Amino acid sequence: MSPSITSMSLLAVVIAAISIWWVNITLKEGRKAVEESKADLD
């Protein structure tokens, strides 16, 4: 593979990893908010 393809692949992997991490953080916050809103209703 040429160096440009290798660097583009590495960049894509890094972006994918950051995206997955961001989604996980967001989902955790969302679940916490849902739990708190349920607790407020009780």
C-alpha atoms as a PDB file:
ATOM      1  CA  MET A   1       0.000   0.000   0.000  1.00  0.00           C
ATOM      2  CA  SER A   2       1.124   3.508  -0.633  1.00  0.00           C
ATOM      3  CA  PRO A   3       1.824   5.802   2.329  1.00  0.00           C
ATOM      4  CA  SER A   4      -1.168   8.023   1.549  1.00  0.00           C
ATOM      5  CA  ILE A   5      -3.593   5.075   1.682  1.00  0.00           C
ATOM      6  CA  THR A   6      -2.031   3.929   4.943  1.00  0.00           C
ATOM      7  CA  SER A   7      -2.330   7.358   6.546  1.00  0.00           C
ATOM      8  CA  MET A   8      -5.917   7.779   5.317  1.00  0.00           C
ATOM      9  CA  SER A   9      -6.811   4.357   6.746  1.00  0.00           C
ATOM     10  CA  LEU A  10      -5.216   5.265  10.072  1.00  0.00           C
ATOM     11  CA  LEU A  11      -7.133   8.548  10.138  1.00  0.00           C
ATOM     12  CA  ALA A  12     -10.392   6.703   9.401  1.00  0.00           C
ATOM     13  CA  VAL A  13      -9.734   4.264  12.271  1.00  0.00           C
ATOM     14  CA  VAL A  14      -8.983   7.120  14.674  1.00  0.00           C
ATOM     15  CA  ILE A  15     -12.142   8.993  13.663  1.00  0.00           C
ATOM     16  CA  ALA A  16     -14.214   5.803  14.037  1.00  0.00           C
ATOM     17  CA  ALA A  17     -12.780   5.159  17.509  1.00  0.00           C
ATOM     18  CA  ILE A  18     -13.526   8.720  18.651  1.00  0.00           C
ATOM     19  CA  SER A  19     -17.054   8.473  17.234  1.00  0.00           C
ATOM     20  CA  ILE A  20     -17.749   5.198  19.077  1.00  0.00           C
ATOM     21  CA  TRP A  21     -16.399   6.683  22.320  1.00  0.00           C
ATOM     22  CA  TRP A  22     -18.559   9.811  21.878  1.00  0.00           C
ATOM     23  CA  VAL A  23     -21.704   7.740  21.210  1.00  0.00           C
ATOM     24  CA  ASN A  24     -21.053   5.632  24.324  1.00  0.00           C
ATOM     25  CA  ILE A  25     -20.668   8.754  26.492  1.00  0.00           C
ATOM     26  CA  THR A  26     -23.851  10.249  25.020  1.00  0.00           C
ATOM     27  CA  LEU A  27     -25.860   7.060  25.596  1.00  0.00           C
ATOM     28  CA  LYS A  28     -24.668   6.846  29.210  1.00  0.00           C
ATOM     29  CA  GLU A  29     -25.735  10.454  29.819  1.00  0.00           C
ATOM     30  CA  GLY A  30     -29.079   9.767  28.128  1.00  0.00           C
ATOM     31  CA  ARG A  31     -29.762   6.723  30.291  1.00  0.00           C
ATOM     32  CA  LYS A  32     -28.854   8.702  33.408  1.00  0.00           C
ATOM     33  CA  ALA A  33     -31.263  11.480  32.384  1.00  0.00           C
ATOM     34  CA  VAL A  34     -34.045   8.948  31.761  1.00  0.00           C
ATOM     35  CA  GLU A  35     -33.465   7.351  35.174  1.00  0.00           C
ATOM     36  CA  GLU A  36     -33.577  10.771  36.849  1.00  0.00           C
ATOM     37  CA  SER A  37     -36.788  11.734  35.053  1.00  0.00           C
ATOM     38  CA  LYS A  38     -38.389   8.431  36.092  1.00  0.00           C
ATOM     39  CA  ALA A  39     -37.326   9.057  39.680  1.00  0.00           C
ATOM     40  CA  ASP A  40     -38.867  12.552  39.520  1.00  0.00           C
ATOM     41  CA  LEU A  41     -42.191  11.120  38.360  1.00  0.00           C
ATOM     42  CA  ASP A  42     -42.416   8.730  41.333  1.00  0.00           C
END
